[in-house]
């Protein structure tokens, strides 16, 4: 990816709450991403750490599918 492409994306950060829960947040605003149901960190020896996030595709904070064709569909 070129620098101009990277500037279109928002950086995310994993934060742990006081009760030990981990969630994805917007690095710029600090806001937690909506609709997160489950976050799993997978750390295997000699492997890249994986972050698996399950989002709920329902409710006001639902997931929007953007197919990069100018038409966004909400689930």
N, C-alpha and C. Protein backbone atom coordinates (compact mmCIF):
# COMPACT_ATOMS: atom_id res chain seq x y z
N UNK A 1 0.82 -1.18 0.00
CA UNK A 1 0.00 0.00 0.00
C UNK A 1 0.87 1.24 0.00
N UNK A 2 0.43 2.23 -0.72
CA UNK A 2 1.16 3.49 -0.77
C UNK A 2 0.70 4.38 0.37
N UNK A 3 1.50 5.42 0.71
CA UNK A 3 1.16 6.33 1.79
C UNK A 3 -0.20 6.97 1.59
N UNK A 4 -0.54 7.33 0.35
CA UNK A 4 -1.84 7.96 0.09
C UNK A 4 -2.99 7.00 0.39
N UNK A 5 -2.78 5.71 0.16
CA UNK A 5 -3.81 4.72 0.48
C UNK A 5 -3.95 4.54 1.98
N UNK A 6 -2.83 4.53 2.69
CA UNK A 6 -2.86 4.36 4.13
C UNK A 6 -3.57 5.51 4.83
N UNK A 7 -3.49 6.72 4.29
CA UNK A 7 -4.10 7.87 4.93
C UNK A 7 -5.62 7.79 4.90
N UNK A 8 -6.20 6.94 4.08
CA UNK A 8 -7.65 6.78 4.01
C UNK A 8 -8.19 5.92 5.14
N UNK A 9 -7.35 5.22 5.86
CA UNK A 9 -7.77 4.29 6.88
C UNK A 9 -7.57 4.87 8.27
N UNK A 10 -8.43 4.47 9.21
CA UNK A 10 -8.30 4.88 10.60
C UNK A 10 -7.49 3.83 11.35
N UNK A 11 -6.59 4.29 12.18
CA UNK A 11 -5.82 3.37 13.01
C UNK A 11 -6.70 2.89 14.16
N UNK A 12 -6.54 1.63 14.52
CA UNK A 12 -7.27 1.05 15.64
C UNK A 12 -6.29 0.66 16.72
N UNK A 13 -6.77 0.63 17.95
CA UNK A 13 -5.94 0.25 19.07
C UNK A 13 -6.75 -0.68 19.98
N UNK A 14 -6.09 -1.69 20.53
CA UNK A 14 -6.73 -2.56 21.51
C UNK A 14 -6.52 -1.95 22.89
N UNK A 15 -7.60 -1.84 23.65
CA UNK A 15 -7.50 -1.32 25.01
C UNK A 15 -8.17 -2.29 25.96
N UNK A 16 -7.57 -2.39 27.14
CA UNK A 16 -8.12 -3.26 28.18
C UNK A 16 -8.81 -2.38 29.22
N UNK A 17 -10.04 -2.71 29.56
CA UNK A 17 -10.78 -1.95 30.57
C UNK A 17 -10.32 -2.37 31.97
N UNK A 18 -10.81 -1.66 32.97
CA UNK A 18 -10.44 -1.97 34.36
C UNK A 18 -10.88 -3.37 34.77
N UNK A 19 -11.96 -3.86 34.15
CA UNK A 19 -12.42 -5.21 34.49
C UNK A 19 -11.77 -6.30 33.65
N UNK A 20 -10.77 -5.92 32.82
CA UNK A 20 -9.99 -6.91 32.08
C UNK A 20 -10.49 -7.20 30.68
N UNK A 21 -11.59 -6.59 30.25
CA UNK A 21 -12.11 -6.81 28.91
C UNK A 21 -11.28 -6.05 27.88
N UNK A 22 -11.04 -6.68 26.73
CA UNK A 22 -10.28 -6.05 25.65
C UNK A 22 -11.25 -5.69 24.53
N UNK A 23 -11.06 -4.48 23.95
CA UNK A 23 -11.93 -4.04 22.86
C UNK A 23 -11.14 -3.15 21.91
N UNK A 24 -11.60 -3.11 20.66
CA UNK A 24 -11.00 -2.23 19.65
C UNK A 24 -11.55 -0.82 19.81
N UNK A 25 -10.63 0.16 19.74
CA UNK A 25 -11.00 1.57 19.83
C UNK A 25 -10.39 2.31 18.65
N UNK A 26 -11.01 3.42 18.29
CA UNK A 26 -10.44 4.33 17.30
C UNK A 26 -9.24 5.01 17.96
N UNK A 27 -8.07 4.91 17.36
CA UNK A 27 -6.85 5.45 17.97
C UNK A 27 -6.89 6.97 18.05
N UNK A 28 -7.58 7.61 17.13
CA UNK A 28 -7.62 9.07 17.09
C UNK A 28 -8.59 9.64 18.12
N UNK A 29 -9.80 9.08 18.18
CA UNK A 29 -10.83 9.63 19.06
C UNK A 29 -10.89 8.93 20.41
N UNK A 30 -10.37 7.71 20.49
CA UNK A 30 -10.44 6.93 21.72
C UNK A 30 -11.76 6.21 21.90
N UNK A 31 -12.70 6.40 20.97
CA UNK A 31 -14.01 5.76 21.09
C UNK A 31 -13.93 4.27 20.76
N UNK A 32 -14.66 3.48 21.54
CA UNK A 32 -14.74 2.05 21.28
C UNK A 32 -15.60 1.82 20.04
N UNK A 33 -15.19 0.90 19.17
CA UNK A 33 -15.99 0.57 18.00
C UNK A 33 -17.27 -0.12 18.45
N UNK A 34 -18.38 0.29 17.87
CA UNK A 34 -19.69 -0.25 18.25
C UNK A 34 -19.87 -1.67 17.77
N UNK A 35 -20.76 -2.37 18.43
CA UNK A 35 -21.25 -3.70 18.04
C UNK A 35 -20.24 -4.83 18.24
N UNK A 36 -19.20 -4.61 19.04
CA UNK A 36 -18.25 -5.70 19.31
C UNK A 36 -18.89 -6.68 20.28
N UNK A 37 -18.93 -7.93 19.89
CA UNK A 37 -19.50 -8.97 20.75
C UNK A 37 -18.40 -9.76 21.46
N UNK A 38 -17.27 -9.94 20.77
CA UNK A 38 -16.21 -10.79 21.31
C UNK A 38 -14.88 -10.40 20.66
N UNK A 39 -13.84 -10.29 21.48
CA UNK A 39 -12.49 -10.02 20.98
C UNK A 39 -11.59 -11.13 21.50
N UNK A 40 -10.85 -11.75 20.59
CA UNK A 40 -9.96 -12.85 20.96
C UNK A 40 -8.55 -12.53 20.46
N UNK A 41 -7.59 -12.59 21.38
CA UNK A 41 -6.18 -12.44 21.03
C UNK A 41 -5.57 -13.83 20.96
N UNK A 42 -4.92 -14.14 19.85
CA UNK A 42 -4.30 -15.45 19.67
C UNK A 42 -2.80 -15.23 19.52
N UNK A 43 -2.05 -15.71 20.50
CA UNK A 43 -0.60 -15.56 20.49
C UNK A 43 0.04 -16.94 20.53
N UNK A 44 0.58 -17.33 19.42
CA UNK A 44 1.26 -18.61 19.30
C UNK A 44 2.76 -18.35 19.22
N UNK A 45 3.59 -19.23 19.80
CA UNK A 45 5.04 -19.04 19.72
C UNK A 45 5.51 -18.91 18.27
N UNK A 46 6.36 -17.93 18.04
CA UNK A 46 6.99 -17.69 16.73
C UNK A 46 6.00 -17.31 15.63
N UNK A 47 4.81 -16.86 15.99
CA UNK A 47 3.81 -16.45 15.02
C UNK A 47 3.40 -15.00 15.28
N UNK A 48 2.82 -14.39 14.28
CA UNK A 48 2.27 -13.06 14.43
C UNK A 48 1.02 -13.14 15.30
N UNK A 49 0.85 -12.20 16.23
CA UNK A 49 -0.34 -12.18 17.07
C UNK A 49 -1.57 -11.89 16.20
N UNK A 50 -2.62 -12.67 16.41
CA UNK A 50 -3.87 -12.49 15.67
C UNK A 50 -4.91 -11.88 16.59
N UNK A 51 -5.72 -10.97 16.04
CA UNK A 51 -6.84 -10.38 16.75
C UNK A 51 -8.09 -10.74 15.97
N UNK A 52 -9.00 -11.48 16.61
CA UNK A 52 -10.24 -11.89 15.97
C UNK A 52 -11.38 -11.18 16.70
N UNK A 53 -12.12 -10.35 15.95
CA UNK A 53 -13.22 -9.58 16.54
C UNK A 53 -14.52 -10.01 15.90
N UNK A 54 -15.52 -10.31 16.73
CA UNK A 54 -16.85 -10.64 16.25
C UNK A 54 -17.73 -9.42 16.48
N UNK A 55 -18.33 -8.93 15.39
CA UNK A 55 -19.24 -7.79 15.45
C UNK A 55 -20.66 -8.28 15.26
N UNK A 56 -21.61 -7.68 15.97
CA UNK A 56 -23.02 -7.96 15.76
C UNK A 56 -23.53 -7.08 14.63
N UNK A 57 -24.18 -7.68 13.66
CA UNK A 57 -24.69 -6.93 12.51
C UNK A 57 -26.16 -6.61 12.71
N UNK A 58 -26.47 -5.97 13.84
CA UNK A 58 -27.86 -5.62 14.15
C UNK A 58 -27.86 -4.41 15.07
N UNK A 59 -28.98 -3.75 15.16
CA UNK A 59 -29.12 -2.61 16.06
C UNK A 59 -28.63 -1.33 15.44
N UNK A 60 -28.66 -0.26 16.22
CA UNK A 60 -28.28 1.06 15.73
C UNK A 60 -26.82 1.13 15.33
N UNK A 61 -25.96 0.37 15.98
CA UNK A 61 -24.54 0.39 15.66
C UNK A 61 -24.16 -0.67 14.67
N UNK A 62 -25.11 -1.11 13.86
CA UNK A 62 -24.90 -2.22 12.92
C UNK A 62 -23.72 -2.02 11.99
N UNK A 63 -23.38 -3.05 11.29
CA UNK A 63 -22.26 -3.06 10.38
C UNK A 63 -22.71 -2.55 9.02
N UNK A 64 -21.89 -1.71 8.41
CA UNK A 64 -22.13 -1.24 7.05
C UNK A 64 -21.15 -1.93 6.12
N UNK A 65 -21.65 -2.50 5.04
CA UNK A 65 -20.82 -3.17 4.06
C UNK A 65 -20.55 -2.19 2.92
N UNK A 66 -19.28 -1.84 2.72
CA UNK A 66 -18.89 -0.92 1.66
C UNK A 66 -18.09 -1.72 0.65
N UNK A 67 -18.63 -1.88 -0.54
CA UNK A 67 -17.99 -2.69 -1.57
C UNK A 67 -17.08 -1.88 -2.48
N UNK A 68 -16.72 -0.65 -2.03
CA UNK A 68 -15.85 0.23 -2.80
C UNK A 68 -16.41 0.57 -4.17
N UNK A 69 -17.73 0.47 -4.31
CA UNK A 69 -18.34 0.84 -5.58
C UNK A 69 -19.27 2.04 -5.42
N UNK A 70 -19.20 2.68 -4.26
CA UNK A 70 -20.03 3.84 -4.00
C UNK A 70 -21.40 3.51 -3.42
N UNK A 71 -21.73 2.23 -3.36
CA UNK A 71 -23.02 1.81 -2.79
C UNK A 71 -22.77 1.09 -1.48
N UNK A 72 -23.22 1.69 -0.39
CA UNK A 72 -23.05 1.06 0.92
C UNK A 72 -24.38 0.42 1.33
N UNK A 73 -24.32 -0.77 1.86
CA UNK A 73 -25.51 -1.48 2.32
C UNK A 73 -25.36 -1.71 3.82
N UNK A 74 -26.44 -1.44 4.57
CA UNK A 74 -26.43 -1.75 5.98
C UNK A 74 -27.11 -3.07 6.20
N UNK A 75 -26.58 -3.85 7.10
CA UNK A 75 -27.18 -5.12 7.45
C UNK A 75 -28.24 -4.90 8.50
